[in-house]
Amino acid sequence: MSLEKKFVKAKPVCKVKFSLSGDQYNSASSILLVADFNNWQLGETPLKKAKTGIWSATVELETGREYQFRYLIDGTSWENDAEADKYVPSGLGSENSVIAL
């Protein structure tokens, strides 16, 4: 898992690359990024699998804010990002990852 932040000097935005890699994701057929910035809509932000086996998606987000997110693996398994800036209760008995920009 990794979060890569690239702040844009000309605008108050940050390009964030969300990535997942490792053996546990090799057999996945789909990974979705589900977050408050996409209104928690399934399928709104799918990660794409590269030939290297790394799943990733890049999203442009407004700076000066925090965003909650989780990954949905194959429509059944929810995961947080180990490199999140922090975690907060989801209100559903689990936690959400948070990225602070």
PDB file of N, CA and C in Angstrom:
ATOM      1  N   MET A   1       0.843  -1.173   0.000  1.00  0.00           N
ATOM      2  CA  MET A   1       0.000   0.000   0.000  1.00  0.00           C
ATOM      3  C   MET A   1       0.882   1.228   0.000  1.00  0.00           C
ATOM      4  N   SER A   2       0.419   2.231  -0.722  1.00  0.00           N
ATOM      5  CA  SER A   2       1.143   3.494  -0.651  1.00  0.00           C
ATOM      6  C   SER A   2       0.247   4.646  -1.051  1.00  0.00           C
ATOM      7  N   LEU A   3       0.566   5.795  -0.494  1.00  0.00           N
ATOM      8  CA  LEU A   3      -0.086   7.050  -0.829  1.00  0.00           C
ATOM      9  C   LEU A   3       0.997   8.007  -1.278  1.00  0.00           C
ATOM     10  N   GLU A   4       0.874   8.506  -2.478  1.00  0.00           N
ATOM     11  CA  GLU A   4       1.865   9.430  -3.007  1.00  0.00           C
ATOM     12  C   GLU A   4       1.181  10.770  -3.254  1.00  0.00           C
ATOM     13  N   LYS A   5       1.652  11.808  -2.571  1.00  0.00           N
ATOM     14  CA  LYS A   5       1.061  13.143  -2.681  1.00  0.00           C
ATOM     15  C   LYS A   5       1.958  14.041  -3.528  1.00  0.00           C
ATOM     16  N   LYS A   6       1.363  14.679  -4.553  1.00  0.00           N
ATOM     17  CA  LYS A   6       2.088  15.656  -5.371  1.00  0.00           C
ATOM     18  C   LYS A   6       1.272  16.946  -5.387  1.00  0.00           C
ATOM     19  N   PHE A   7       1.758  17.939  -4.633  1.00  0.00           N
ATOM     20  CA  PHE A   7       1.062  19.210  -4.548  1.00  0.00           C
ATOM     21  C   PHE A   7       1.310  20.032  -5.812  1.00  0.00           C
ATOM     22  N   VAL A   8       0.240  20.634  -6.329  1.00  0.00           N
ATOM     23  CA  VAL A   8       0.306  21.455  -7.530  1.00  0.00           C
ATOM     24  C   VAL A   8       0.515  22.901  -7.097  1.00  0.00           C
ATOM     25  N   LYS A   9       1.605  23.517  -7.541  1.00  0.00           N
ATOM     26  CA  LYS A   9       1.944  24.871  -7.107  1.00  0.00           C
ATOM     27  C   LYS A   9       0.964  25.918  -7.630  1.00  0.00           C
ATOM     28  N   ALA A  10       0.452  25.739  -8.816  1.00  0.00           N
ATOM     29  CA  ALA A  10      -0.403  26.743  -9.444  1.00  0.00           C
ATOM     30  C   ALA A  10      -1.846  26.732  -8.928  1.00  0.00           C
ATOM     31  N   LYS A  11      -2.260  25.647  -8.272  1.00  0.00           N
ATOM     32  CA  LYS A  11      -3.642  25.519  -7.803  1.00  0.00           C
ATOM     33  C   LYS A  11      -3.633  24.916  -6.393  1.00  0.00           C
ATOM     34  N   PRO A  12      -4.692  25.160  -5.623  1.00  0.00           N
ATOM     35  CA  PRO A  12      -4.768  24.566  -4.283  1.00  0.00           C
ATOM     36  C   PRO A  12      -5.254  23.114  -4.331  1.00  0.00           C
ATOM     37  N   VAL A  13      -4.544  22.279  -5.084  1.00  0.00           N
ATOM     38  CA  VAL A  13      -4.910  20.869  -5.210  1.00  0.00           C
ATOM     39  C   VAL A  13      -3.669  19.991  -5.053  1.00  0.00           C
ATOM     40  N   CYS A  14      -3.936  18.736  -4.789  1.00  0.00           N
ATOM     41  CA  CYS A  14      -2.884  17.738  -4.658  1.00  0.00           C
ATOM     42  C   CYS A  14      -3.306  16.528  -5.478  1.00  0.00           C
ATOM     43  N   LYS A  15      -2.377  16.012  -6.272  1.00  0.00           N
ATOM     44  CA  LYS A  15      -2.635  14.770  -7.004  1.00  0.00           C
ATOM     45  C   LYS A  15      -2.183  13.629  -6.108  1.00  0.00           C
ATOM     46  N   VAL A  16      -3.135  12.801  -5.704  1.00  0.00           N
ATOM     47  CA  VAL A  16      -2.849  11.699  -4.790  1.00  0.00           C
ATOM     48  C   VAL A  16      -2.946  10.385  -5.541  1.00  0.00           C
ATOM     49  N   LYS A  17      -1.869   9.618  -5.489  1.00  0.00           N
ATOM     50  CA  LYS A  17      -1.865   8.296  -6.102  1.00  0.00           C
ATOM     51  C   LYS A  17      -2.060   7.259  -5.003  1.00  0.00           C
ATOM     52  N   PHE A  18      -3.150   6.520  -5.104  1.00  0.00           N
ATOM     53  CA  PHE A  18      -3.479   5.436  -4.183  1.00  0.00           C
ATOM     54  C   PHE A  18      -3.014   4.141  -4.837  1.00  0.00           C
ATOM     55  N   SER A  19      -2.168   3.365  -4.153  1.00  0.00           N
ATOM     56  CA  SER A  19      -1.625   2.135  -4.755  1.00  0.00           C
ATOM     57  C   SER A  19      -1.697   0.965  -3.789  1.00  0.00           C
ATOM     58  N   LEU A  20      -1.925  -0.208  -4.352  1.00  0.00           N
ATOM     59  CA  LEU A  20      -1.899  -1.466  -3.601  1.00  0.00           C
ATOM     60  C   LEU A  20      -1.052  -2.455  -4.375  1.00  0.00           C
ATOM     61  N   SER A  21      -0.177  -3.147  -3.674  1.00  0.00           N
ATOM     62  CA  SER A  21       0.622  -4.181  -4.322  1.00  0.00           C
ATOM     63  C   SER A  21       0.906  -5.288  -3.319  1.00  0.00           C
ATOM     64  N   GLY A  22       1.268  -6.436  -3.836  1.00  0.00           N
ATOM     65  CA  GLY A  22       1.586  -7.571  -2.986  1.00  0.00           C
ATOM     66  C   GLY A  22       0.809  -8.802  -3.395  1.00  0.00           C
ATOM     67  N   ASP A  23       1.252  -9.934  -2.882  1.00  0.00           N
ATOM     68  CA  ASP A  23       0.656 -11.216  -3.249  1.00  0.00           C
ATOM     69  C   ASP A  23      -0.841 -11.288  -2.969  1.00  0.00           C
ATOM     70  N   GLN A  24      -1.278 -10.649  -1.881  1.00  0.00           N
ATOM     71  CA  GLN A  24      -2.694 -10.744  -1.514  1.00  0.00           C
ATOM     72  C   GLN A  24      -3.613 -10.073  -2.531  1.00  0.00           C
ATOM     73  N   TYR A  25      -3.053  -9.235  -3.425  1.00  0.00           N
ATOM     74  CA  TYR A  25      -3.874  -8.548  -4.425  1.00  0.00           C
ATOM     75  C   TYR A  25      -3.708  -9.129  -5.827  1.00  0.00           C
ATOM     76  N   ASN A  26      -2.783 -10.051  -6.018  1.00  0.00           N
ATOM     77  CA  ASN A  26      -2.537 -10.624  -7.342  1.00  0.00           C
ATOM     78  C   ASN A  26      -3.758 -11.318  -7.922  1.00  0.00           C
ATOM     79  N   SER A  27      -4.536 -11.973  -7.090  1.00  0.00           N
ATOM     80  CA  SER A  27      -5.693 -12.708  -7.591  1.00  0.00           C
ATOM     81  C   SER A  27      -6.972 -11.875  -7.593  1.00  0.00           C
ATOM     82  N   ALA A  28      -6.906 -10.638  -7.152  1.00  0.00           N
ATOM     83  CA  ALA A  28      -8.103  -9.786  -7.138  1.00  0.00           C
ATOM     84  C   ALA A  28      -8.553  -9.489  -8.559  1.00  0.00           C
ATOM     85  N   SER A  29      -9.856  -9.452  -8.753  1.00  0.00           N
ATOM     86  CA  SER A  29     -10.384  -9.100 -10.071  1.00  0.00           C
ATOM     87  C   SER A  29     -10.810  -7.636 -10.125  1.00  0.00           C
ATOM     88  N   SER A  30     -11.043  -7.032  -8.949  1.00  0.00           N
ATOM     89  CA  SER A  30     -11.363  -5.604  -8.922  1.00  0.00           C
ATOM     90  C   SER A  30     -11.007  -5.025  -7.559  1.00  0.00           C
ATOM     91  N   ILE A  31     -10.550  -3.773  -7.579  1.00  0.00           N
ATOM     92  CA  ILE A  31     -10.302  -3.028  -6.349  1.00  0.00           C
ATOM     93  C   ILE A  31     -10.863  -1.629  -6.571  1.00  0.00           C
ATOM     94  N   LEU A  32     -11.727  -1.210  -5.652  1.00  0.00           N
ATOM     95  CA  LEU A  32     -12.356   0.105  -5.744  1.00  0.00           C
ATOM     96  C   LEU A  32     -11.866   1.001  -4.618  1.00  0.00           C
ATOM     97  N   LEU A  33     -11.671   2.270  -4.924  1.00  0.00           N
ATOM     98  CA  LEU A  33     -11.374   3.283  -3.925  1.00  0.00           C
ATOM     99  C   LEU A  33     -12.703   3.948  -3.600  1.00  0.00           C
ATOM    100  N   VAL A  34     -13.167   3.772  -2.372  1.00  0.00           N
ATOM    101  CA  VAL A  34     -14.459   4.295  -1.958  1.00  0.00           C
ATOM    102  C   VAL A  34     -14.187   5.331  -0.879  1.00  0.00           C
ATOM    103  N   ALA A  35     -14.696   6.565  -1.090  1.00  0.00           N
ATOM    104  CA  ALA A  35     -14.288   7.666  -0.220  1.00  0.00           C
ATOM    105  C   ALA A  35     -15.352   8.751  -0.126  1.00  0.00           C
ATOM    106  N   ASP A  36     -15.135   9.657   0.843  1.00  0.00           N
ATOM    107  CA  ASP A  36     -16.064  10.776   0.942  1.00  0.00           C
ATOM    108  C   ASP A  36     -15.951  11.698  -0.266  1.00  0.00           C
ATOM    109  N   PHE A  37     -14.767  11.764  -0.904  1.00  0.00           N
ATOM    110  CA  PHE A  37     -14.628  12.634  -2.069  1.00  0.00           C
ATOM    111  C   PHE A  37     -15.347  12.110  -3.306  1.00  0.00           C
ATOM    112  N   ASN A  38     -15.766  10.853  -3.288  1.00  0.00           N
ATOM    113  CA  ASN A  38     -16.593  10.339  -4.380  1.00  0.00           C
ATOM    114  C   ASN A  38     -17.967   9.895  -3.854  1.00  0.00           C
ATOM    115  N   ASN A  39     -18.346  10.501  -2.714  1.00  0.00           N
ATOM    116  CA  ASN A  39     -19.657  10.257  -2.087  1.00  0.00           C
ATOM    117  C   ASN A  39     -19.894   8.792  -1.746  1.00  0.00           C
ATOM    118  N   TRP A  40     -18.797   8.049  -1.470  1.00  0.00           N
ATOM    119  CA  TRP A  40     -18.864   6.643  -1.079  1.00  0.00           C
ATOM    120  C   TRP A  40     -19.572   5.797  -2.137  1.00  0.00           C
ATOM    121  N   GLN A  41     -19.488   6.216  -3.388  1.00  0.00           N
ATOM    122  CA  GLN A  41     -20.143   5.502  -4.482  1.00  0.00           C
ATOM    123  C   GLN A  41     -19.262   4.371  -4.991  1.00  0.00           C
ATOM    124  N   LEU A  42     -19.782   3.159  -4.960  1.00  0.00           N
ATOM    125  CA  LEU A  42     -19.055   2.003  -5.479  1.00  0.00           C
ATOM    126  C   LEU A  42     -18.876   2.150  -6.983  1.00  0.00           C
ATOM    127  N   GLY A  43     -17.688   1.866  -7.463  1.00  0.00           N
ATOM    128  CA  GLY A  43     -17.413   1.911  -8.888  1.00  0.00           C
ATOM    129  C   GLY A  43     -17.031   3.280  -9.405  1.00  0.00           C
ATOM    130  N   GLU A  44     -17.130   4.309  -8.578  1.00  0.00           N
ATOM    131  CA  GLU A  44     -16.810   5.679  -9.000  1.00  0.00           C
ATOM    132  C   GLU A  44     -15.308   5.859  -9.268  1.00  0.00           C
ATOM    133  N   THR A  45     -14.464   5.188  -8.446  1.00  0.00           N
ATOM    134  CA  THR A  45     -13.009   5.337  -8.579  1.00  0.00           C
ATOM    135  C   THR A  45     -12.344   3.954  -8.527  1.00  0.00           C
ATOM    136  N   PRO A  46     -12.364   3.222  -9.628  1.00  0.00           N
ATOM    137  CA  PRO A  46     -11.705   1.911  -9.639  1.00  0.00           C
ATOM    138  C   PRO A  46     -10.184   2.057  -9.752  1.00  0.00           C
ATOM    139  N   LEU A  47      -9.464   1.161  -9.100  1.00  0.00           N
ATOM    140  CA  LEU A  47      -8.021   1.093  -9.293  1.00  0.00           C
ATOM    141  C   LEU A  47      -7.772   0.238 -10.527  1.00  0.00           C
ATOM    142  N   LYS A  48      -6.731   0.572 -11.279  1.00  0.00           N
ATOM    143  CA  LYS A  48      -6.373  -0.195 -12.471  1.00  0.00           C
ATOM    144  C   LYS A  48      -5.116  -0.993 -12.175  1.00  0.00           C
ATOM    145  N   LYS A  49      -5.076  -2.214 -12.700  1.00  0.00           N
ATOM    146  CA  LYS A  49      -3.937  -3.091 -12.474  1.00  0.00           C
ATOM    147  C   LYS A  49      -2.932  -2.961 -13.611  1.00  0.00           C
ATOM    148  N   ALA A  50      -1.693  -2.610 -13.257  1.00  0.00           N
ATOM    149  CA  ALA A  50      -0.611  -2.497 -14.236  1.00  0.00           C
ATOM    150  C   ALA A  50      -0.007  -3.879 -14.494  1.00  0.00           C
ATOM    151  N   LYS A  51       0.789  -3.988 -15.546  1.00  0.00           N
ATOM    152  CA  LYS A  51       1.462  -5.254 -15.856  1.00  0.00           C
ATOM    153  C   LYS A  51       2.378  -5.696 -14.723  1.00  0.00           C
ATOM    154  N   THR A  52       2.827  -4.747 -13.917  1.00  0.00           N
ATOM    155  CA  THR A  52       3.700  -5.051 -12.778  1.00  0.00           C
ATOM    156  C   THR A  52       2.930  -5.670 -11.617  1.00  0.00           C
ATOM    157  N   GLY A  53       1.593  -5.657 -11.701  1.00  0.00           N
ATOM    158  CA  GLY A  53       0.768  -6.213 -10.637  1.00  0.00           C
ATOM    159  C   GLY A  53       0.326  -5.179  -9.617  1.00  0.00           C
ATOM    160  N   ILE A  54       0.743  -3.930  -9.797  1.00  0.00           N
ATOM    161  CA  ILE A  54       0.369  -2.872  -8.860  1.00  0.00           C
ATOM    162  C   ILE A  54      -0.969  -2.270  -9.290  1.00  0.00           C
ATOM    163  N   TRP A  55      -1.888  -2.175  -8.339  1.00  0.00           N
ATOM    164  CA  TRP A  55      -3.176  -1.541  -8.557  1.00  0.00           C
ATOM    165  C   TRP A  55      -3.045  -0.078  -8.154  1.00  0.00           C
ATOM    166  N   SER A  56      -3.573   0.851  -8.967  1.00  0.00           N
ATOM    167  CA  SER A  56      -3.473   2.259  -8.579  1.00  0.00           C
ATOM    168  C   SER A  56      -4.543   3.116  -9.237  1.00  0.00           C
ATOM    169  N   ALA A  57      -4.769   4.275  -8.610  1.00  0.00           N
ATOM    170  CA  ALA A  57      -5.646   5.316  -9.147  1.00  0.00           C
ATOM    171  C   ALA A  57      -5.118   6.642  -8.636  1.00  0.00           C
ATOM    172  N   THR A  58      -5.167   7.654  -9.486  1.00  0.00           N
ATOM    173  CA  THR A  58      -4.739   8.992  -9.087  1.00  0.00           C
ATOM    174  C   THR A  58      -5.951   9.913  -9.099  1.00  0.00           C
ATOM    175  N   VAL A  59      -6.080  10.670  -8.006  1.00  0.00           N
ATOM    176  CA  VAL A  59      -7.222  11.557  -7.827  1.00  0.00           C
ATOM    177  C   VAL A  59      -6.703  12.945  -7.477  1.00  0.00           C
ATOM    178  N   GLU A  60      -7.298  13.976  -8.038  1.00  0.00           N
ATOM    179  CA  GLU A  60      -6.938  15.352  -7.720  1.00  0.00           C
ATOM    180  C   GLU A  60      -7.882  15.854  -6.630  1.00  0.00           C
ATOM    181  N   LEU A  61      -7.307  16.240  -5.484  1.00  0.00           N
ATOM    182  CA  LEU A  61      -8.099  16.648  -4.325  1.00  0.00           C
ATOM    183  C   LEU A  61      -7.707  18.040  -3.850  1.00  0.00           C
ATOM    184  N   GLU A  62      -8.669  18.750  -3.323  1.00  0.00           N
ATOM    185  CA  GLU A  62      -8.440  20.087  -2.782  1.00  0.00           C
ATOM    186  C   GLU A  62      -7.570  20.013  -1.530  1.00  0.00           C
ATOM    187  N   THR A  63      -6.601  20.922  -1.418  1.00  0.00           N
ATOM    188  CA  THR A  63      -5.724  20.942  -0.250  1.00  0.00           C
ATOM    189  C   THR A  63      -6.412  21.637   0.927  1.00  0.00           C
ATOM    190  N   GLY A  64      -5.814  21.478   2.115  1.00  0.00           N
ATOM    191  CA  GLY A  64      -6.366  22.084   3.318  1.00  0.00           C
ATOM    192  C   GLY A  64      -7.518  21.308   3.914  1.00  0.00           C
ATOM    193  N   ARG A  65      -7.685  20.065   3.491  1.00  0.00           N
ATOM    194  CA  ARG A  65      -8.792  19.228   3.963  1.00  0.00           C
ATOM    195  C   ARG A  65      -8.293  17.833   4.299  1.00  0.00           C
ATOM    196  N   GLU A  66      -9.147  17.086   4.967  1.00  0.00           N
ATOM    197  CA  GLU A  66      -8.911  15.664   5.220  1.00  0.00           C
ATOM    198  C   GLU A  66     -10.005  14.878   4.518  1.00  0.00           C
ATOM    199  N   TYR A  67      -9.628  13.708   4.009  1.00  0.00           N
ATOM    200  CA  TYR A  67     -10.572  12.857   3.284  1.00  0.00           C
ATOM    201  C   TYR A  67     -10.534  11.446   3.852  1.00  0.00           C
ATOM    202  N   GLN A  68     -11.710  10.854   4.059  1.00  0.00           N
ATOM    203  CA  GLN A  68     -11.817   9.475   4.530  1.00  0.00           C
ATOM    204  C   GLN A  68     -11.972   8.555   3.326  1.00  0.00           C
ATOM    205  N   PHE A  69     -11.370   7.362   3.436  1.00  0.00           N
ATOM    206  CA  PHE A  69     -11.456   6.406   2.329  1.00  0.00           C
ATOM    207  C   PHE A  69     -11.199   4.988   2.821  1.00  0.00           C
ATOM    208  N   ARG A  70     -11.579   4.030   1.969  1.00  0.00           N
ATOM    209  CA  ARG A  70     -11.283   2.606   2.164  1.00  0.00           C
ATOM    210  C   ARG A  70     -11.187   1.961   0.790  1.00  0.00           C
ATOM    211  N   TYR A  71     -10.602   0.769   0.764  1.00  0.00           N
ATOM    212  CA  TYR A  71     -10.540  -0.018  -0.469  1.00  0.00           C
ATOM    213  C   TYR A  71     -11.531  -1.158  -0.364  1.00  0.00           C
ATOM    214  N   LEU A  72     -12.216  -1.471  -1.465  1.00  0.00           N
ATOM    215  CA  LEU A  72     -13.124  -2.613  -1.531  1.00  0.00           C
ATOM    216  C   LEU A  72     -12.548  -3.598  -2.535  1.00  0.00           C
ATOM    217  N   ILE A  73     -12.139  -4.770  -2.022  1.00  0.00           N
ATOM    218  CA  ILE A  73     -11.503  -5.799  -2.827  1.00  0.00           C
ATOM    219  C   ILE A  73     -12.553  -6.813  -3.281  1.00  0.00           C
ATOM    220  N   ASP A  74     -12.677  -6.979  -4.598  1.00  0.00           N
ATOM    221  CA  ASP A  74     -13.604  -7.952  -5.192  1.00  0.00           C
ATOM    222  C   ASP A  74     -15.031  -7.846  -4.652  1.00  0.00           C
ATOM    223  N   GLY A  75     -15.421  -6.659  -4.235  1.00  0.00           N
ATOM    224  CA  GLY A  75     -16.794  -6.433  -3.777  1.00  0.00           C
ATOM    225  C   GLY A  75     -17.144  -7.055  -2.443  1.00  0.00           C
ATOM    226  N   THR A  76     -16.164  -7.639  -1.746  1.00  0.00           N
ATOM    227  CA  THR A  76     -16.491  -8.334  -0.496  1.00  0.00           C
ATOM    228  C   THR A  76     -15.619  -7.951   0.698  1.00  0.00           C
ATOM    229  N   SER A  77     -14.395  -7.525   0.459  1.00  0.00           N
ATOM    230  CA  SER A  77     -13.450  -7.307   1.549  1.00  0.00           C
ATOM    231  C   SER A  77     -13.029  -5.838   1.628  1.00  0.00           C
ATOM    232  N   TRP A  78     -13.293  -5.212   2.771  1.00  0.00           N
ATOM    233  CA  TRP A  78     -12.906  -3.817   2.985  1.00  0.00           C
ATOM    234  C   TRP A  78     -11.540  -3.757   3.647  1.00  0.00           C
ATOM    235  N   GLU A  79     -10.692  -2.825   3.172  1.00  0.00           N
ATOM    236  CA  GLU A  79      -9.361  -2.657   3.765  1.00  0.00           C
ATOM    237  C   GLU A  79      -9.022  -1.188   3.921  1.00  0.00           C
ATOM    238  N   ASN A  80      -8.260  -0.898   4.966  1.00  0.00           N
ATOM    239  CA  ASN A  80      -7.706   0.433   5.159  1.00  0.00           C
ATOM    240  C   ASN A  80      -6.314   0.469   4.560  1.00  0.00           C
ATOM    241  N   ASP A  81      -5.779   1.667   4.420  1.00  0.00           N
ATOM    242  CA  ASP A  81      -4.425   1.854   3.905  1.00  0.00           C
ATOM    243  C   ASP A  81      -3.460   1.953   5.076  1.00  0.00           C
ATOM    244  N   ALA A  82      -2.435   1.117   5.090  1.00  0.00           N
ATOM    245  CA  ALA A  82      -1.456   1.103   6.179  1.00  0.00           C
ATOM    246  C   ALA A  82      -0.665   2.405   6.252  1.00  0.00           C
ATOM    247  N   GLU A  83      -0.632   3.173   5.161  1.00  0.00           N
ATOM    248  CA  GLU A  83       0.115   4.432   5.143  1.00  0.00           C
ATOM    249  C   GLU A  83      -0.776   5.658   5.309  1.00  0.00           C
ATOM    250  N   ALA A  84      -2.014   5.453   5.760  1.00  0.00           N
ATOM    251  CA  ALA A  84      -2.923   6.585   5.983  1.00  0.00           C
ATOM    252  C   ALA A  84      -2.348   7.510   7.053  1.00  0.00           C
ATOM    253  N   ASP A  85      -2.734   8.784   6.977  1.00  0.00           N
ATOM    254  CA  ASP A  85      -2.263   9.756   7.954  1.00  0.00           C
ATOM    255  C   ASP A  85      -2.860   9.510   9.335  1.00  0.00           C
ATOM    256  N   LYS A  86      -4.087   8.969   9.348  1.00  0.00           N
ATOM    257  CA  LYS A  86      -4.728   8.585  10.605  1.00  0.00           C
ATOM    258  C   LYS A  86      -5.950   7.738  10.276  1.00  0.00           C
ATOM    259  N   TYR A  87      -6.645   7.301  11.313  1.00  0.00           N
ATOM    260  CA  TYR A  87      -7.850   6.490  11.169  1.00  0.00           C
ATOM    261  C   TYR A  87      -8.933   7.078  12.066  1.00  0.00           C
ATOM    262  N   VAL A  88     -10.178   7.011  11.608  1.00  0.00           N
ATOM    263  CA  VAL A  88     -11.303   7.504  12.393  1.00  0.00           C
ATOM    264  C   VAL A  88     -12.417   6.460  12.367  1.00  0.00           C
ATOM    265  N   PRO A  89     -13.246   6.425  13.414  1.00  0.00           N
ATOM    266  CA  PRO A  89     -14.366   5.482  13.409  1.00  0.00           C
ATOM    267  C   PRO A  89     -15.306   5.764  12.230  1.00  0.00           C
ATOM    268  N   SER A  90     -15.761   4.696  11.606  1.00  0.00           N
ATOM    269  CA  SER A  90     -16.635   4.839  10.435  1.00  0.00           C
ATOM    270  C   SER A  90     -18.101   5.007  10.817  1.00  0.00           C
ATOM    271  N   GLY A  91     -18.447   4.650  12.052  1.00  0.00           N
ATOM    272  CA  GLY A  91     -19.846   4.649  12.448  1.00  0.00           C
ATOM    273  C   GLY A  91     -20.534   3.347  12.096  1.00  0.00           C
ATOM    274  N   LEU A  92     -19.773   2.431  11.474  1.00  0.00           N
ATOM    275  CA  LEU A  92     -20.316   1.135  11.078  1.00  0.00           C
ATOM    276  C   LEU A  92     -19.579  -0.014  11.766  1.00  0.00           C
ATOM    277  N   GLY A  93     -18.896   0.303  12.879  1.00  0.00           N
ATOM    278  CA  GLY A  93     -18.186  -0.730  13.624  1.00  0.00           C
ATOM    279  C   GLY A  93     -16.775  -0.987  13.130  1.00  0.00           C
ATOM    280  N   SER A  94     -16.263  -0.128  12.279  1.00  0.00           N
ATOM    281  CA  SER A  94     -14.896  -0.270  11.780  1.00  0.00           C
ATOM    282  C   SER A  94     -14.267   1.124  11.721  1.00  0.00           C
ATOM    283  N   GLU A  95     -13.110   1.212  11.078  1.00  0.00           N
ATOM    284  CA  GLU A  95     -12.434   2.498  10.926  1.00  0.00           C
ATOM    285  C   GLU A  95     -12.254   2.816   9.455  1.00  0.00           C
ATOM    286  N   ASN A  96     -12.138   4.108   9.160  1.00  0.00           N
ATOM    287  CA  ASN A  96     -11.799   4.566   7.822  1.00  0.00           C
ATOM    288  C   ASN A  96     -10.377   5.126   7.847  1.00  0.00           C
ATOM    289  N   SER A  97      -9.682   4.973   6.743  1.00  0.00           N
ATOM    290  CA  SER A  97      -8.392   5.623   6.559  1.00  0.00           C
ATOM    291  C   SER A  97      -8.650   7.104   6.303  1.00  0.00           C
ATOM    292  N   VAL A  98      -7.675   7.941   6.670  1.00  0.00           N
ATOM    293  CA  VAL A  98      -7.782   9.380   6.429  1.00  0.00           C
ATOM    294  C   VAL A  98      -6.490   9.867   5.791  1.00  0.00           C
ATOM    295  N   ILE A  99      -6.626  10.687   4.759  1.00  0.00           N
ATOM    296  CA  ILE A  99      -5.487  11.368   4.164  1.00  0.00           C
ATOM    297  C   ILE A  99      -5.673  12.856   4.408  1.00  0.00           C
ATOM    298  N   ALA A 100      -4.636  13.484   4.937  1.00  0.00           N
ATOM    299  CA  ALA A 100      -4.685  14.923   5.243  1.00  0.00           C
ATOM    300  C   ALA A 100      -3.860  15.679   4.205  1.00  0.00           C
ATOM    301  N   LEU A 101      -4.474  16.675   3.609  1.00  0.00           N
ATOM    302  CA  LEU A 101      -3.791  17.480   2.605  1.00  0.00           C
ATOM    303  C   LEU A 101      -3.754  18.915   3.071  1.00  0.00           C
TER     304      LEU A 101
END
